[in-house]
Amino acid sequence: MPPYIEIIQPDQAEGRLKEIYKDLEKKRGKLAEVHKIQSLNPESIVRHMDLYMTIMFGKSPLSRAQREMMAVVVSSVNRCPYCIQHHREALLRYWKDEERADKLQQNFEDAELDETDLLLCQFAQLLTEEPYRIDDESTIQPLKEAGMSDRAILDATLVISYFNFVNRIVLGLGVEHSPEEIKGYNY
């Protein structure tokens, strides 16, 4: 099924959009549908990627696996197959355990997580489903008691918020992936 809005394919791209597409293909190994859906506003692709790279790959007290884990949890709560598949694939680069990744996606409580990762997943679910319920005592203090710094909590909040943003772009505009799109990105 095609997306709900027009997209400019790489072979039709001109000017700045063509440059952006080529740069993404060079850096990431290929172009994702989530990039192409923004083709009518090329600079949004650049800003989006800057935010994504900072949040997901920048220096952080959170590991890359923890960030991908939260991406899967948020995307599962939002029922966003596109992001679940992309970030489950990325998480498997670290976990190397399909069964555990399946459990995370279906019910993270069954995924044999340590205390910190379980708290991060609970935070991801709550901030996604009921952000108005977040408070210092019941949500933030348990993260701190588990040894998380304020910076780690900030970074977790950024990851969770980012994936809620992207899930809404993907779901709201009908972005789908093909099986060959999921594998082969440069991480």
C-alpha atoms as a PDB file:
ATOM      1  CA  MET A   1       0.000   0.000   0.000  1.00  0.00           C
ATOM      2  CA  PRO A   2       1.476   3.399  -0.916  1.00  0.00           C
ATOM      3  CA  PRO A   3       1.908   6.143   1.687  1.00  0.00           C
ATOM      4  CA  TYR A   4      -0.900   8.650   2.133  1.00  0.00           C
ATOM      5  CA  ILE A   5       1.039  11.585   0.658  1.00  0.00           C
ATOM      6  CA  GLU A   6       3.272  12.106  -2.350  1.00  0.00           C
ATOM      7  CA  ILE A   7       6.928  11.196  -1.972  1.00  0.00           C
ATOM      8  CA  ILE A   8       9.797  12.028  -4.268  1.00  0.00           C
ATOM      9  CA  GLN A   9      11.772   8.909  -5.119  1.00  0.00           C
ATOM     10  CA  PRO A  10      15.574   9.084  -5.390  1.00  0.00           C
ATOM     11  CA  ASP A  11      15.506   8.799  -9.192  1.00  0.00           C
ATOM     12  CA  GLN A  12      13.180  11.831  -9.334  1.00  0.00           C
ATOM     13  CA  ALA A  13      15.036  13.944  -6.756  1.00  0.00           C
ATOM     14  CA  GLU A  14      16.718  17.167  -7.785  1.00  0.00           C
ATOM     15  CA  GLY A  15      18.835  19.842  -6.147  1.00  0.00           C
ATOM     16  CA  ARG A  16      19.041  19.804  -2.372  1.00  0.00           C
ATOM     17  CA  LEU A  17      16.841  16.718  -1.988  1.00  0.00           C
ATOM     18  CA  LYS A  18      19.106  14.751  -4.311  1.00  0.00           C
ATOM     19  CA  GLU A  19      22.144  15.823  -2.233  1.00  0.00           C
ATOM     20  CA  ILE A  20      20.402  14.779   0.987  1.00  0.00           C
ATOM     21  CA  TYR A  21      19.430  11.392  -0.444  1.00  0.00           C
ATOM     22  CA  LYS A  22      22.970  10.728  -1.673  1.00  0.00           C
ATOM     23  CA  ASP A  23      24.450  11.745   1.675  1.00  0.00           C
ATOM     24  CA  LEU A  24      22.083   9.433   3.555  1.00  0.00           C
ATOM     25  CA  GLU A  25      22.834   6.531   1.232  1.00  0.00           C
ATOM     26  CA  LYS A  26      26.562   7.100   1.722  1.00  0.00           C
ATOM     27  CA  LYS A  27      26.366   7.363   5.531  1.00  0.00           C
ATOM     28  CA  ARG A  28      23.606   4.834   6.270  1.00  0.00           C
ATOM     29  CA  GLY A  29      24.104   2.373   3.414  1.00  0.00           C
ATOM     30  CA  LYS A  30      20.611   2.939   2.067  1.00  0.00           C
ATOM     31  CA  LEU A  31      17.643   5.269   2.169  1.00  0.00           C
ATOM     32  CA  ALA A  32      14.744   4.486   4.534  1.00  0.00           C
ATOM     33  CA  GLU A  33      11.079   5.091   3.828  1.00  0.00           C
ATOM     34  CA  VAL A  34      10.904   7.345   6.897  1.00  0.00           C
ATOM     35  CA  HIS A  35      13.339   9.670   5.093  1.00  0.00           C
ATOM     36  CA  LYS A  36      11.496   9.597   1.796  1.00  0.00           C
ATOM     37  CA  ILE A  37       8.155  10.427   3.459  1.00  0.00           C
ATOM     38  CA  GLN A  38       9.681  13.828   4.315  1.00  0.00           C
ATOM     39  CA  SER A  39      10.846  14.485   0.736  1.00  0.00           C
ATOM     40  CA  LEU A  40       8.458  17.406   0.222  1.00  0.00           C
ATOM     41  CA  ASN A  41      10.329  19.221   3.014  1.00  0.00           C
ATOM     42  CA  PRO A  42      13.981  18.203   2.449  1.00  0.00           C
ATOM     43  CA  GLU A  43      15.486  20.202   5.313  1.00  0.00           C
ATOM     44  CA  SER A  44      13.230  18.332   7.744  1.00  0.00           C
ATOM     45  CA  ILE A  45      15.105  15.163   6.743  1.00  0.00           C
ATOM     46  CA  VAL A  46      18.422  16.761   7.699  1.00  0.00           C
ATOM     47  CA  ARG A  47      17.149  18.085  11.045  1.00  0.00           C
ATOM     48  CA  HIS A  48      15.422  14.774  11.743  1.00  0.00           C
ATOM     49  CA  MET A  49      18.654  12.858  11.122  1.00  0.00           C
ATOM     50  CA  ASP A  50      20.646  15.281  13.280  1.00  0.00           C
ATOM     51  CA  LEU A  51      18.221  14.678  16.146  1.00  0.00           C
ATOM     52  CA  TYR A  52      18.184  10.913  15.565  1.00  0.00           C
ATOM     53  CA  MET A  53      21.987  10.635  15.446  1.00  0.00           C
ATOM     54  CA  THR A  54      22.375  12.750  18.594  1.00  0.00           C
ATOM     55  CA  ILE A  55      19.787  10.835  20.598  1.00  0.00           C
ATOM     56  CA  MET A  56      20.554   7.320  19.377  1.00  0.00           C
ATOM     57  CA  PHE A  57      24.301   7.419  18.639  1.00  0.00           C
ATOM     58  CA  GLY A  58      25.639  10.371  20.661  1.00  0.00           C
ATOM     59  CA  LYS A  59      27.626  10.097  23.872  1.00  0.00           C
ATOM     60  CA  SER A  60      25.308   9.009  26.667  1.00  0.00           C
ATOM     61  CA  PRO A  61      25.302   7.127  29.957  1.00  0.00           C
ATOM     62  CA  LEU A  62      22.752   4.849  28.244  1.00  0.00           C
ATOM     63  CA  SER A  63      24.113   2.041  26.108  1.00  0.00           C
ATOM     64  CA  ARG A  64      23.139   1.706  22.455  1.00  0.00           C
ATOM     65  CA  ALA A  65      21.276  -1.490  23.392  1.00  0.00           C
ATOM     66  CA  GLN A  66      19.251   0.343  26.042  1.00  0.00           C
ATOM     67  CA  ARG A  67      18.290   3.031  23.539  1.00  0.00           C
ATOM     68  CA  GLU A  68      17.238   0.452  20.928  1.00  0.00           C
ATOM     69  CA  MET A  69      15.376  -1.491  23.630  1.00  0.00           C
ATOM     70  CA  MET A  70      13.319   1.586  24.532  1.00  0.00           C
ATOM     71  CA  ALA A  71      12.682   2.264  20.831  1.00  0.00           C
ATOM     72  CA  VAL A  72      11.182  -1.217  20.507  1.00  0.00           C
ATOM     73  CA  VAL A  73       9.059  -0.790  23.632  1.00  0.00           C
ATOM     74  CA  VAL A  74       7.665   2.600  22.570  1.00  0.00           C
ATOM     75  CA  SER A  75       7.004   1.365  19.035  1.00  0.00           C
ATOM     76  CA  SER A  76       5.312  -1.770  20.393  1.00  0.00           C
ATOM     77  CA  VAL A  77       3.060   0.272  22.679  1.00  0.00           C
ATOM     78  CA  ASN A  78       2.168   2.485  19.700  1.00  0.00           C
ATOM     79  CA  ARG A  79       1.744  -0.571  17.421  1.00  0.00           C
ATOM     80  CA  CYS A  80       4.123   0.831  14.823  1.00  0.00           C
ATOM     81  CA  PRO A  81       5.346  -2.177  12.796  1.00  0.00           C
ATOM     82  CA  TYR A  82       7.796  -0.087  10.760  1.00  0.00           C
ATOM     83  CA  CYS A  83       9.726   1.155  13.807  1.00  0.00           C
ATOM     84  CA  ILE A  84       9.394  -2.128  15.699  1.00  0.00           C
ATOM     85  CA  GLN A  85      11.073  -3.985  12.853  1.00  0.00           C
ATOM     86  CA  HIS A  86      13.823  -1.419  12.262  1.00  0.00           C
ATOM     87  CA  HIS A  87      14.795  -1.114  15.906  1.00  0.00           C
ATOM     88  CA  ARG A  88      14.311  -4.761  16.789  1.00  0.00           C
ATOM     89  CA  GLU A  89      16.829  -5.493  14.032  1.00  0.00           C
ATOM     90  CA  ALA A  90      19.212  -2.917  15.503  1.00  0.00           C
ATOM     91  CA  LEU A  91      18.720  -4.325  19.025  1.00  0.00           C
ATOM     92  CA  LEU A  92      19.559  -7.822  17.800  1.00  0.00           C
ATOM     93  CA  ARG A  93      23.024  -6.532  16.862  1.00  0.00           C
ATOM     94  CA  TYR A  94      23.599  -6.169  20.613  1.00  0.00           C
ATOM     95  CA  TRP A  95      21.386  -8.820  22.187  1.00  0.00           C
ATOM     96  CA  LYS A  96      21.848 -11.551  19.560  1.00  0.00           C
ATOM     97  CA  ASP A  97      18.783 -13.289  21.014  1.00  0.00           C
ATOM     98  CA  GLU A  98      15.642 -13.468  18.852  1.00  0.00           C
ATOM     99  CA  GLU A  99      13.518 -15.045  21.581  1.00  0.00           C
ATOM    100  CA  ARG A 100      14.378 -12.322  24.075  1.00  0.00           C
ATOM    101  CA  ALA A 101      13.652  -9.632  21.469  1.00  0.00           C
ATOM    102  CA  ASP A 102      10.280 -11.277  20.785  1.00  0.00           C
ATOM    103  CA  LYS A 103       9.488 -11.193  24.504  1.00  0.00           C
ATOM    104  CA  LEU A 104      10.508  -7.536  24.721  1.00  0.00           C
ATOM    105  CA  GLN A 105       8.183  -6.690  21.868  1.00  0.00           C
ATOM    106  CA  GLN A 106       5.238  -8.686  23.232  1.00  0.00           C
ATOM    107  CA  ASN A 107       5.598  -8.086  26.979  1.00  0.00           C
ATOM    108  CA  PHE A 108       8.879  -6.621  28.214  1.00  0.00           C
ATOM    109  CA  GLU A 109       8.178  -7.975  31.723  1.00  0.00           C
ATOM    110  CA  ASP A 110       9.017 -11.445  30.323  1.00  0.00           C
ATOM    111  CA  ALA A 111      12.270 -10.399  28.603  1.00  0.00           C
ATOM    112  CA  GLU A 112      14.640 -11.251  31.486  1.00  0.00           C
ATOM    113  CA  LEU A 113      15.783  -7.670  31.971  1.00  0.00           C
ATOM    114  CA  ASP A 114      17.954  -6.421  34.790  1.00  0.00           C
ATOM    115  CA  GLU A 115      16.442  -3.915  37.235  1.00  0.00           C
ATOM    116  CA  THR A 116      17.637  -0.822  35.355  1.00  0.00           C
ATOM    117  CA  ASP A 117      16.447  -2.031  31.951  1.00  0.00           C
ATOM    118  CA  LEU A 118      13.093  -3.071  33.391  1.00  0.00           C
ATOM    119  CA  LEU A 119      12.675   0.395  34.918  1.00  0.00           C
ATOM    120  CA  LEU A 120      13.603   1.993  31.579  1.00  0.00           C
ATOM    121  CA  CYS A 121      10.974  -0.110  29.793  1.00  0.00           C
ATOM    122  CA  GLN A 122       8.358   0.741  32.414  1.00  0.00           C
ATOM    123  CA  PHE A 123       9.254   4.424  32.017  1.00  0.00           C
ATOM    124  CA  ALA A 124       8.984   4.103  28.220  1.00  0.00           C
ATOM    125  CA  GLN A 125       5.549   2.519  28.485  1.00  0.00           C
ATOM    126  CA  LEU A 126       4.225   5.045  30.995  1.00  0.00           C
ATOM    127  CA  LEU A 127       5.578   8.111  29.180  1.00  0.00           C
ATOM    128  CA  THR A 128       4.047   6.776  25.939  1.00  0.00           C
ATOM    129  CA  GLU A 129       0.641   5.754  27.279  1.00  0.00           C
ATOM    130  CA  GLU A 130       0.034   8.111  30.192  1.00  0.00           C
ATOM    131  CA  PRO A 131       2.598  10.923  30.304  1.00  0.00           C
ATOM    132  CA  TYR A 132       0.443  12.885  32.745  1.00  0.00           C
ATOM    133  CA  ARG A 133       1.139  10.163  35.360  1.00  0.00           C
ATOM    134  CA  ILE A 134       4.895  10.792  35.417  1.00  0.00           C
ATOM    135  CA  ASP A 135       5.994  12.204  38.736  1.00  0.00           C
ATOM    136  CA  ASP A 136       9.177  12.461  40.729  1.00  0.00           C
ATOM    137  CA  GLU A 137       8.288  10.061  43.532  1.00  0.00           C
ATOM    138  CA  SER A 138       6.848   7.078  41.669  1.00  0.00           C
ATOM    139  CA  THR A 139       8.672   7.382  38.340  1.00  0.00           C
ATOM    140  CA  ILE A 140      11.918   9.339  38.539  1.00  0.00           C
ATOM    141  CA  GLN A 141      13.136   8.410  42.035  1.00  0.00           C
ATOM    142  CA  PRO A 142      13.136   4.634  41.304  1.00  0.00           C
ATOM    143  CA  LEU A 143      15.350   5.332  38.271  1.00  0.00           C
ATOM    144  CA  LYS A 144      17.740   7.338  40.468  1.00  0.00           C
ATOM    145  CA  GLU A 145      17.703   4.641  43.170  1.00  0.00           C
ATOM    146  CA  ALA A 146      18.706   2.118  40.503  1.00  0.00           C
ATOM    147  CA  GLY A 147      21.803   4.239  39.870  1.00  0.00           C
ATOM    148  CA  MET A 148      20.685   6.315  36.920  1.00  0.00           C
ATOM    149  CA  SER A 149      22.055   9.846  36.712  1.00  0.00           C
ATOM    150  CA  ASP A 150      19.959  12.847  35.779  1.00  0.00           C
ATOM    151  CA  ARG A 151      21.686  12.800  32.381  1.00  0.00           C
ATOM    152  CA  ALA A 152      20.676   9.164  31.830  1.00  0.00           C
ATOM    153  CA  ILE A 153      17.077  10.009  32.744  1.00  0.00           C
ATOM    154  CA  LEU A 154      17.138  12.955  30.347  1.00  0.00           C
ATOM    155  CA  ASP A 155      18.530  10.761  27.575  1.00  0.00           C
ATOM    156  CA  ALA A 156      15.888   8.085  28.245  1.00  0.00           C
ATOM    157  CA  THR A 157      13.178  10.751  28.046  1.00  0.00           C
ATOM    158  CA  LEU A 158      14.626  12.005  24.746  1.00  0.00           C
ATOM    159  CA  VAL A 159      14.667   8.487  23.242  1.00  0.00           C
ATOM    160  CA  ILE A 160      11.113   7.787  24.371  1.00  0.00           C
ATOM    161  CA  SER A 161       9.838  11.156  23.137  1.00  0.00           C
ATOM    162  CA  TYR A 162      11.668  10.829  19.827  1.00  0.00           C
ATOM    163  CA  PHE A 163      10.099   7.464  19.076  1.00  0.00           C
ATOM    164  CA  ASN A 164       6.647   8.720  19.936  1.00  0.00           C
ATOM    165  CA  PHE A 165       7.300  11.521  17.404  1.00  0.00           C
ATOM    166  CA  VAL A 166       8.544   9.175  14.689  1.00  0.00           C
ATOM    167  CA  ASN A 167       5.838   6.569  15.300  1.00  0.00           C
ATOM    168  CA  ARG A 168       3.279   9.284  14.648  1.00  0.00           C
ATOM    169  CA  ILE A 169       4.940  10.336  11.386  1.00  0.00           C
ATOM    170  CA  VAL A 170       5.065   6.723  10.218  1.00  0.00           C
ATOM    171  CA  LEU A 171       1.544   5.769  11.311  1.00  0.00           C
ATOM    172  CA  GLY A 172       0.000   9.123  10.374  1.00  0.00           C
ATOM    173  CA  LEU A 173       1.360   9.067   6.825  1.00  0.00           C
ATOM    174  CA  GLY A 174       1.099   5.350   6.078  1.00  0.00           C
ATOM    175  CA  VAL A 175       4.816   4.552   5.897  1.00  0.00           C
ATOM    176  CA  GLU A 176       5.488   0.862   5.351  1.00  0.00           C
ATOM    177  CA  HIS A 177       8.692  -1.087   4.837  1.00  0.00           C
ATOM    178  CA  SER A 178       9.686  -3.863   2.561  1.00  0.00           C
ATOM    179  CA  PRO A 179      11.555  -6.897   3.956  1.00  0.00           C
ATOM    180  CA  GLU A 180      14.765  -5.786   2.218  1.00  0.00           C
ATOM    181  CA  GLU A 181      14.594  -2.343   3.808  1.00  0.00           C
ATOM    182  CA  ILE A 182      15.059  -3.636   7.356  1.00  0.00           C
ATOM    183  CA  LYS A 183      18.558  -5.097   7.029  1.00  0.00           C
ATOM    184  CA  GLY A 184      21.788  -3.578   5.826  1.00  0.00           C
ATOM    185  CA  TYR A 185      22.011  -0.209   7.563  1.00  0.00           C
ATOM    186  CA  ASN A 186      25.321   1.141   8.798  1.00  0.00           C
ATOM    187  CA  TYR A 187      25.177   1.306  12.595  1.00  0.00           C
END
